[in-house]
Amino acid sequence: MNSLPQEKFEALGLTLPPAPQPLGIYKPFLVEGKYLYLSGHGPVQNDKSLIIGRIGEDMDIEAGKLAARQVGLTMLSTIVTNFGSLNAVKRVIKVLGMVNCTGDFLRHPYVINGCSELFAEVWGQENGIGVRSAVGMGSLPDNIPVEVEALFELN
């Protein structure tokens, strides 16, 4: 039998950062029927600070990919904090990844793979990979390198 998402996550030996609290007028998540919408998340670290930097300017592509993975961990933290376990989520439906980068940077999908690979590790190839967009932005809030929003299907 396949292990559950929470067990897969625990086997990775990763640490979840604190779930972020909204700093604006929005909800961090919304449930509609069997769907869980997560607002855009940034790369929150374990000490609640944000990873800061612009890819192609003061951060390279590998640091950007690691920042995207940290965004994924931050999103998982929001799920665990509000639903008790990653097992509440059946699968990833859609991911929108936004990359704060210079105008000549062209490898947005590679950066967002940092988040997508984490989701595939947690929910498996079948349920952890959904449809996706990866786009470049001229800036992101607080100069974070990556912001990701996602849609999940709940169990």
N, C-alpha and C. Protein backbone atom coordinates (compact mmCIF):
# COMPACT_ATOMS: atom_id res chain seq x y z
N MET A 1 0.84 -1.19 0.00
CA MET A 1 0.00 0.00 0.00
C MET A 1 0.88 1.26 0.00
N ASN A 2 0.45 2.26 -0.72
CA ASN A 2 1.20 3.52 -0.75
C ASN A 2 1.09 4.21 0.60
N SER A 3 2.18 4.84 1.02
CA SER A 3 2.11 5.57 2.28
C SER A 3 1.34 6.86 2.08
N LEU A 4 0.82 7.37 3.17
CA LEU A 4 0.03 8.58 3.14
C LEU A 4 0.93 9.81 2.99
N PRO A 5 0.38 10.92 2.47
CA PRO A 5 1.18 12.13 2.28
C PRO A 5 1.92 12.59 3.53
N GLN A 6 1.26 12.53 4.69
CA GLN A 6 1.92 12.97 5.92
C GLN A 6 3.12 12.08 6.25
N GLU A 7 2.97 10.77 6.02
CA GLU A 7 4.07 9.83 6.26
C GLU A 7 5.21 10.09 5.28
N LYS A 8 4.87 10.35 4.01
CA LYS A 8 5.90 10.64 3.01
C LYS A 8 6.67 11.89 3.41
N PHE A 9 5.95 12.92 3.86
CA PHE A 9 6.61 14.15 4.27
C PHE A 9 7.55 13.90 5.44
N GLU A 10 7.06 13.18 6.45
CA GLU A 10 7.88 12.91 7.63
C GLU A 10 9.12 12.11 7.27
N ALA A 11 9.00 11.21 6.28
CA ALA A 11 10.15 10.41 5.84
C ALA A 11 11.23 11.28 5.18
N LEU A 12 10.83 12.43 4.64
CA LEU A 12 11.80 13.33 4.01
C LEU A 12 12.67 14.05 5.03
N GLY A 13 12.23 14.07 6.29
CA GLY A 13 13.00 14.70 7.35
C GLY A 13 13.06 16.22 7.26
N LEU A 14 12.08 16.81 6.61
CA LEU A 14 12.05 18.27 6.46
C LEU A 14 11.30 18.93 7.60
N THR A 15 11.54 20.21 7.79
CA THR A 15 10.89 20.98 8.85
C THR A 15 9.95 21.99 8.23
N LEU A 16 8.75 22.10 8.78
CA LEU A 16 7.80 23.10 8.29
C LEU A 16 8.05 24.43 9.01
N PRO A 17 8.11 25.51 8.25
CA PRO A 17 8.19 26.83 8.89
C PRO A 17 6.84 27.17 9.50
N PRO A 18 6.76 28.24 10.30
CA PRO A 18 5.45 28.65 10.81
C PRO A 18 4.54 29.08 9.66
N ALA A 19 3.26 28.75 9.78
CA ALA A 19 2.30 29.19 8.76
C ALA A 19 2.18 30.70 8.82
N PRO A 20 2.26 31.38 7.67
CA PRO A 20 2.18 32.83 7.68
C PRO A 20 0.78 33.34 8.00
N GLN A 21 0.73 34.50 8.60
CA GLN A 21 -0.53 35.18 8.87
C GLN A 21 -0.71 36.28 7.82
N PRO A 22 -1.94 36.52 7.38
CA PRO A 22 -2.15 37.55 6.35
C PRO A 22 -1.70 38.92 6.82
N LEU A 23 -0.99 39.62 5.93
CA LEU A 23 -0.57 40.98 6.21
C LEU A 23 -1.42 41.98 5.44
N GLY A 24 -2.39 41.49 4.71
CA GLY A 24 -3.30 42.33 3.94
C GLY A 24 -4.72 41.88 4.15
N ILE A 25 -5.59 42.32 3.28
CA ILE A 25 -7.01 41.98 3.39
C ILE A 25 -7.30 40.79 2.48
N TYR A 26 -7.05 39.61 3.01
CA TYR A 26 -7.30 38.37 2.28
C TYR A 26 -7.26 37.20 3.26
N LYS A 27 -7.73 36.05 2.80
CA LYS A 27 -7.67 34.82 3.59
C LYS A 27 -6.50 33.98 3.06
N PRO A 28 -5.76 33.32 3.96
CA PRO A 28 -4.65 32.49 3.47
C PRO A 28 -5.14 31.27 2.70
N PHE A 29 -6.36 30.84 2.99
CA PHE A 29 -6.94 29.71 2.26
C PHE A 29 -8.45 29.84 2.27
N LEU A 30 -9.08 29.13 1.33
CA LEU A 30 -10.53 29.10 1.26
C LEU A 30 -10.94 27.72 0.77
N VAL A 31 -11.93 27.14 1.42
CA VAL A 31 -12.46 25.85 0.98
C VAL A 31 -13.79 26.11 0.27
N GLU A 32 -13.92 25.57 -0.92
CA GLU A 32 -15.16 25.64 -1.68
C GLU A 32 -15.45 24.21 -2.14
N GLY A 33 -16.49 23.63 -1.53
CA GLY A 33 -16.80 22.23 -1.86
C GLY A 33 -15.63 21.33 -1.48
N LYS A 34 -15.13 20.59 -2.47
CA LYS A 34 -14.00 19.69 -2.22
C LYS A 34 -12.66 20.30 -2.62
N TYR A 35 -12.65 21.62 -2.84
CA TYR A 35 -11.42 22.27 -3.30
C TYR A 35 -10.86 23.21 -2.24
N LEU A 36 -9.54 23.18 -2.11
CA LEU A 36 -8.81 24.05 -1.21
C LEU A 36 -7.98 25.02 -2.05
N TYR A 37 -8.27 26.30 -1.92
CA TYR A 37 -7.51 27.33 -2.61
C TYR A 37 -6.53 27.94 -1.60
N LEU A 38 -5.25 27.98 -1.96
CA LEU A 38 -4.27 28.65 -1.12
C LEU A 38 -3.87 29.95 -1.79
N SER A 39 -3.90 31.04 -1.02
CA SER A 39 -3.43 32.33 -1.51
C SER A 39 -1.94 32.24 -1.80
N GLY A 40 -1.43 33.26 -2.47
CA GLY A 40 0.00 33.31 -2.75
C GLY A 40 0.81 33.25 -1.47
N HIS A 41 1.78 32.37 -1.44
CA HIS A 41 2.69 32.20 -0.31
C HIS A 41 4.09 32.59 -0.73
N GLY A 42 4.86 33.07 0.23
CA GLY A 42 6.27 33.38 0.00
C GLY A 42 7.14 32.41 0.76
N PRO A 43 8.46 32.57 0.61
CA PRO A 43 9.42 31.64 1.25
C PRO A 43 9.70 32.01 2.70
N VAL A 44 8.82 31.53 3.60
CA VAL A 44 9.00 31.78 5.03
C VAL A 44 10.01 30.76 5.57
N GLN A 45 10.98 31.25 6.33
CA GLN A 45 11.97 30.37 6.94
C GLN A 45 11.54 30.00 8.36
N ASN A 46 12.27 29.07 8.97
CA ASN A 46 11.88 28.56 10.29
C ASN A 46 11.83 29.65 11.36
N ASP A 47 12.62 30.72 11.18
CA ASP A 47 12.61 31.82 12.17
C ASP A 47 11.58 32.90 11.82
N LYS A 48 10.68 32.61 10.90
CA LYS A 48 9.61 33.50 10.41
C LYS A 48 10.09 34.58 9.45
N SER A 49 11.41 34.67 9.22
CA SER A 49 11.91 35.65 8.25
C SER A 49 11.65 35.13 6.83
N LEU A 50 11.73 36.02 5.87
CA LEU A 50 11.54 35.66 4.47
C LEU A 50 12.88 35.57 3.75
N ILE A 51 12.97 34.65 2.80
CA ILE A 51 14.10 34.67 1.88
C ILE A 51 13.87 35.87 0.96
N ILE A 52 14.89 36.68 0.78
CA ILE A 52 14.78 37.90 0.00
C ILE A 52 15.78 37.86 -1.15
N GLY A 53 15.39 38.38 -2.30
CA GLY A 53 16.32 38.49 -3.42
C GLY A 53 15.63 38.38 -4.76
N ARG A 54 16.30 38.89 -5.77
CA ARG A 54 15.80 38.87 -7.15
C ARG A 54 16.71 37.97 -7.98
N ILE A 55 16.12 37.01 -8.66
CA ILE A 55 16.89 36.04 -9.43
C ILE A 55 17.48 36.73 -10.67
N GLY A 56 18.77 36.53 -10.86
CA GLY A 56 19.47 37.17 -11.96
C GLY A 56 20.14 38.46 -11.53
N GLU A 57 19.85 38.90 -10.32
CA GLU A 57 20.43 40.14 -9.81
C GLU A 57 21.29 39.87 -8.58
N ASP A 58 20.65 39.40 -7.49
CA ASP A 58 21.41 39.10 -6.28
C ASP A 58 21.18 37.66 -5.80
N MET A 59 20.64 36.83 -6.68
CA MET A 59 20.37 35.43 -6.36
C MET A 59 20.49 34.63 -7.66
N ASP A 60 21.12 33.45 -7.60
CA ASP A 60 21.23 32.64 -8.82
C ASP A 60 20.05 31.67 -8.92
N ILE A 61 20.02 30.95 -10.04
CA ILE A 61 18.87 30.09 -10.34
C ILE A 61 18.71 28.98 -9.30
N GLU A 62 19.82 28.42 -8.80
CA GLU A 62 19.72 27.34 -7.81
C GLU A 62 19.16 27.86 -6.49
N ALA A 63 19.59 29.06 -6.08
CA ALA A 63 19.03 29.67 -4.86
C ALA A 63 17.54 29.96 -5.06
N GLY A 64 17.17 30.34 -6.28
CA GLY A 64 15.75 30.56 -6.59
C GLY A 64 14.93 29.30 -6.48
N LYS A 65 15.50 28.19 -6.98
CA LYS A 65 14.81 26.90 -6.89
C LYS A 65 14.64 26.48 -5.44
N LEU A 66 15.67 26.70 -4.62
CA LEU A 66 15.56 26.39 -3.19
C LEU A 66 14.51 27.28 -2.52
N ALA A 67 14.43 28.54 -2.94
CA ALA A 67 13.40 29.44 -2.40
C ALA A 67 12.00 28.93 -2.76
N ALA A 68 11.85 28.42 -3.98
CA ALA A 68 10.55 27.88 -4.40
C ALA A 68 10.19 26.65 -3.57
N ARG A 69 11.18 25.82 -3.24
CA ARG A 69 10.94 24.67 -2.37
C ARG A 69 10.50 25.16 -0.99
N GLN A 70 11.12 26.24 -0.50
CA GLN A 70 10.73 26.80 0.80
C GLN A 70 9.30 27.33 0.75
N VAL A 71 8.91 27.90 -0.38
CA VAL A 71 7.52 28.33 -0.53
C VAL A 71 6.60 27.12 -0.42
N GLY A 72 6.97 26.01 -1.06
CA GLY A 72 6.19 24.78 -0.96
C GLY A 72 6.04 24.32 0.47
N LEU A 73 7.13 24.38 1.23
CA LEU A 73 7.08 24.01 2.65
C LEU A 73 6.15 24.95 3.43
N THR A 74 6.18 26.22 3.08
CA THR A 74 5.31 27.19 3.74
C THR A 74 3.84 26.87 3.45
N MET A 75 3.56 26.47 2.21
CA MET A 75 2.19 26.08 1.85
C MET A 75 1.76 24.82 2.60
N LEU A 76 2.68 23.85 2.71
CA LEU A 76 2.37 22.64 3.48
C LEU A 76 2.09 22.99 4.94
N SER A 77 2.81 23.98 5.47
CA SER A 77 2.58 24.42 6.84
C SER A 77 1.17 24.98 7.01
N THR A 78 0.72 25.76 6.04
CA THR A 78 -0.65 26.29 6.09
C THR A 78 -1.67 25.14 6.10
N ILE A 79 -1.42 24.11 5.31
CA ILE A 79 -2.34 22.96 5.27
C ILE A 79 -2.34 22.24 6.62
N VAL A 80 -1.16 21.92 7.14
CA VAL A 80 -1.07 21.19 8.41
C VAL A 80 -1.67 22.01 9.56
N THR A 81 -1.36 23.30 9.59
CA THR A 81 -1.86 24.17 10.66
C THR A 81 -3.38 24.24 10.67
N ASN A 82 -3.99 24.25 9.50
CA ASN A 82 -5.44 24.45 9.42
C ASN A 82 -6.25 23.17 9.22
N PHE A 83 -5.60 22.10 8.79
CA PHE A 83 -6.33 20.85 8.53
C PHE A 83 -5.78 19.67 9.32
N GLY A 84 -4.72 19.89 10.11
CA GLY A 84 -4.19 18.86 10.99
C GLY A 84 -3.19 17.91 10.37
N SER A 85 -3.26 17.73 9.06
CA SER A 85 -2.39 16.75 8.40
C SER A 85 -2.42 16.98 6.90
N LEU A 86 -1.34 16.59 6.24
CA LEU A 86 -1.32 16.66 4.77
C LEU A 86 -2.25 15.62 4.16
N ASN A 87 -2.69 14.65 4.96
CA ASN A 87 -3.61 13.62 4.47
C ASN A 87 -4.98 14.20 4.12
N ALA A 88 -5.26 15.42 4.54
CA ALA A 88 -6.53 16.06 4.20
C ALA A 88 -6.61 16.37 2.71
N VAL A 89 -5.45 16.47 2.07
CA VAL A 89 -5.40 16.81 0.64
C VAL A 89 -5.24 15.54 -0.19
N LYS A 90 -6.13 15.38 -1.16
CA LYS A 90 -6.07 14.23 -2.07
C LYS A 90 -5.04 14.44 -3.17
N ARG A 91 -5.08 15.64 -3.80
CA ARG A 91 -4.15 15.89 -4.90
C ARG A 91 -4.00 17.37 -5.21
N VAL A 92 -2.92 17.64 -5.92
CA VAL A 92 -2.63 18.99 -6.42
C VAL A 92 -3.39 19.15 -7.74
N ILE A 93 -4.14 20.24 -7.86
CA ILE A 93 -4.85 20.51 -9.11
C ILE A 93 -4.07 21.51 -9.98
N LYS A 94 -3.71 22.66 -9.40
CA LYS A 94 -3.07 23.72 -10.17
C LYS A 94 -2.09 24.50 -9.31
N VAL A 95 -0.96 24.86 -9.91
CA VAL A 95 0.06 25.68 -9.26
C VAL A 95 0.35 26.88 -10.17
N LEU A 96 0.37 28.06 -9.57
CA LEU A 96 0.82 29.26 -10.28
C LEU A 96 2.05 29.77 -9.55
N GLY A 97 3.20 29.72 -10.23
CA GLY A 97 4.45 30.17 -9.64
C GLY A 97 4.91 31.47 -10.27
N MET A 98 5.22 32.44 -9.43
CA MET A 98 5.68 33.75 -9.88
C MET A 98 7.11 33.96 -9.43
N VAL A 99 7.97 34.34 -10.36
CA VAL A 99 9.40 34.46 -10.11
C VAL A 99 9.80 35.93 -10.24
N ASN A 100 10.39 36.47 -9.19
CA ASN A 100 10.92 37.84 -9.18
C ASN A 100 12.30 37.77 -9.83
N CYS A 101 12.41 38.30 -11.05
CA CYS A 101 13.65 38.12 -11.79
C CYS A 101 13.93 39.29 -12.72
N THR A 102 15.16 39.30 -13.21
CA THR A 102 15.55 40.31 -14.18
C THR A 102 14.87 40.02 -15.52
N GLY A 103 14.79 41.04 -16.35
CA GLY A 103 14.09 40.92 -17.63
C GLY A 103 14.67 39.90 -18.58
N ASP A 104 15.96 39.59 -18.44
CA ASP A 104 16.60 38.63 -19.35
C ASP A 104 16.56 37.20 -18.82
N PHE A 105 15.96 36.98 -17.65
CA PHE A 105 15.87 35.63 -17.08
C PHE A 105 14.75 34.86 -17.78
N LEU A 106 15.04 33.64 -18.22
CA LEU A 106 14.08 32.89 -19.03
C LEU A 106 13.69 31.53 -18.48
N ARG A 107 14.23 31.14 -17.32
CA ARG A 107 14.03 29.76 -16.85
C ARG A 107 13.09 29.67 -15.65
N HIS A 108 11.98 30.37 -15.74
CA HIS A 108 10.98 30.38 -14.68
C HIS A 108 10.51 28.97 -14.29
N PRO A 109 10.22 28.09 -15.27
CA PRO A 109 9.76 26.74 -14.89
C PRO A 109 10.78 25.99 -14.04
N TYR A 110 12.07 26.15 -14.33
CA TYR A 110 13.10 25.48 -13.54
C TYR A 110 13.04 25.92 -12.08
N VAL A 111 12.87 27.21 -11.85
CA VAL A 111 12.78 27.72 -10.48
C VAL A 111 11.56 27.12 -9.77
N ILE A 112 10.40 27.15 -10.41
CA ILE A 112 9.16 26.68 -9.78
C ILE A 112 9.19 25.17 -9.57
N ASN A 113 10.05 24.45 -10.29
CA ASN A 113 10.21 23.01 -10.04
C ASN A 113 10.58 22.75 -8.58
N GLY A 114 11.21 23.71 -7.91
CA GLY A 114 11.54 23.52 -6.49
C GLY A 114 10.30 23.23 -5.67
N CYS A 115 9.21 23.90 -5.97
CA CYS A 115 7.94 23.67 -5.28
C CYS A 115 7.26 22.41 -5.82
N SER A 116 7.22 22.30 -7.14
CA SER A 116 6.52 21.16 -7.77
C SER A 116 7.15 19.82 -7.40
N GLU A 117 8.48 19.78 -7.31
CA GLU A 117 9.15 18.52 -6.93
C GLU A 117 8.80 18.12 -5.50
N LEU A 118 8.67 19.11 -4.62
CA LEU A 118 8.28 18.83 -3.23
C LEU A 118 6.88 18.23 -3.20
N PHE A 119 5.94 18.84 -3.91
CA PHE A 119 4.57 18.33 -3.94
C PHE A 119 4.53 16.91 -4.50
N ALA A 120 5.35 16.64 -5.54
CA ALA A 120 5.39 15.29 -6.12
C ALA A 120 5.96 14.28 -5.12
N GLU A 121 6.92 14.72 -4.28
CA GLU A 121 7.47 13.83 -3.26
C GLU A 121 6.42 13.50 -2.20
N VAL A 122 5.59 14.48 -1.85
CA VAL A 122 4.60 14.30 -0.79
C VAL A 122 3.38 13.52 -1.27
N TRP A 123 2.82 13.88 -2.42
CA TRP A 123 1.59 13.25 -2.89
C TRP A 123 1.82 12.23 -4.00
N GLY A 124 3.06 12.03 -4.42
CA GLY A 124 3.37 11.06 -5.46
C GLY A 124 3.20 11.64 -6.86
N GLN A 125 3.69 10.92 -7.85
CA GLN A 125 3.66 11.40 -9.23
C GLN A 125 2.23 11.61 -9.73
N GLU A 126 1.34 10.73 -9.38
CA GLU A 126 -0.04 10.81 -9.89
C GLU A 126 -0.80 11.98 -9.28
N ASN A 127 -0.75 12.12 -7.95
CA ASN A 127 -1.55 13.15 -7.27
C ASN A 127 -0.79 14.42 -6.94
N GLY A 128 0.53 14.37 -7.01
CA GLY A 128 1.33 15.53 -6.61
C GLY A 128 1.67 16.49 -7.73
N ILE A 129 1.35 16.10 -8.96
CA ILE A 129 1.65 16.96 -10.11
C ILE A 129 0.34 17.35 -10.77
N GLY A 130 0.09 18.66 -10.78
CA GLY A 130 -1.11 19.17 -11.43
C GLY A 130 -0.75 20.03 -12.62
N VAL A 131 -1.69 20.80 -13.11
CA VAL A 131 -1.39 21.76 -14.16
C VAL A 131 -0.64 22.92 -13.52
N ARG A 132 0.12 23.69 -14.33
CA ARG A 132 0.98 24.69 -13.74
C ARG A 132 1.30 25.81 -14.71
N SER A 133 1.48 26.99 -14.16
CA SER A 133 2.06 28.11 -14.88
C SER A 133 3.24 28.63 -14.07
N ALA A 134 4.29 29.05 -14.76
CA ALA A 134 5.46 29.63 -14.12
C ALA A 134 5.80 30.90 -14.90
N VAL A 135 5.70 32.04 -14.25
CA VAL A 135 5.86 33.31 -14.94
C VAL A 135 6.83 34.22 -14.20
N GLY A 136 7.43 35.14 -14.96
CA GLY A 136 8.35 36.12 -14.39
C GLY A 136 7.63 37.40 -14.03
N MET A 137 8.09 38.03 -12.97
CA MET A 137 7.51 39.28 -12.49
C MET A 137 8.62 40.31 -12.33
N GLY A 138 8.28 41.57 -12.53
CA GLY A 138 9.24 42.64 -12.34
C GLY A 138 9.58 42.86 -10.88
N SER A 139 8.66 42.50 -10.00
CA SER A 139 8.89 42.57 -8.56
C SER A 139 7.85 41.72 -7.86
N LEU A 140 8.13 41.38 -6.60
CA LEU A 140 7.17 40.69 -5.74
C LEU A 140 7.22 41.36 -4.37
N PRO A 141 6.19 41.17 -3.54
CA PRO A 141 6.15 41.84 -2.23
C PRO A 141 7.41 41.60 -1.41
N ASP A 142 7.91 42.63 -0.78
CA ASP A 142 9.09 42.57 0.09
C ASP A 142 10.35 42.07 -0.62
N ASN A 143 10.33 42.05 -1.95
CA ASN A 143 11.45 41.56 -2.76
C ASN A 143 11.71 40.07 -2.55
N ILE A 144 10.65 39.28 -2.26
CA ILE A 144 10.81 37.83 -2.20
C ILE A 144 11.10 37.32 -3.62
N PRO A 145 11.86 36.23 -3.74
CA PRO A 145 12.20 35.72 -5.07
C PRO A 145 11.08 34.93 -5.75
N VAL A 146 10.20 34.34 -4.95
CA VAL A 146 9.17 33.46 -5.50
C VAL A 146 7.89 33.59 -4.68
N GLU A 147 6.75 33.59 -5.38
CA GLU A 147 5.44 33.49 -4.74
C GLU A 147 4.67 32.41 -5.49
N VAL A 148 3.96 31.57 -4.75
CA VAL A 148 3.19 30.48 -5.37
C VAL A 148 1.80 30.46 -4.76
N GLU A 149 0.81 30.30 -5.63
CA GLU A 149 -0.56 30.01 -5.17
C GLU A 149 -0.96 28.68 -5.77
N ALA A 150 -1.90 27.99 -5.12
CA ALA A 150 -2.25 26.65 -5.61
C ALA A 150 -3.70 26.29 -5.28
N LEU A 151 -4.18 25.33 -6.03
CA LEU A 151 -5.51 24.74 -5.85
C LEU A 151 -5.32 23.25 -5.63
N PHE A 152 -5.94 22.73 -4.58
CA PHE A 152 -5.86 21.32 -4.22
C PHE A 152 -7.27 20.73 -4.16
N GLU A 153 -7.36 19.42 -4.30
CA GLU A 153 -8.61 18.69 -4.06
C GLU A 153 -8.49 18.04 -2.69
N LEU A 154 -9.50 18.23 -1.86
CA LEU A 154 -9.51 17.64 -0.52
C LEU A 154 -10.08 16.22 -0.56
N ASN A 155 -9.71 15.42 0.41
CA ASN A 155 -10.28 14.08 0.56
C ASN A 155 -11.69 14.16 1.10
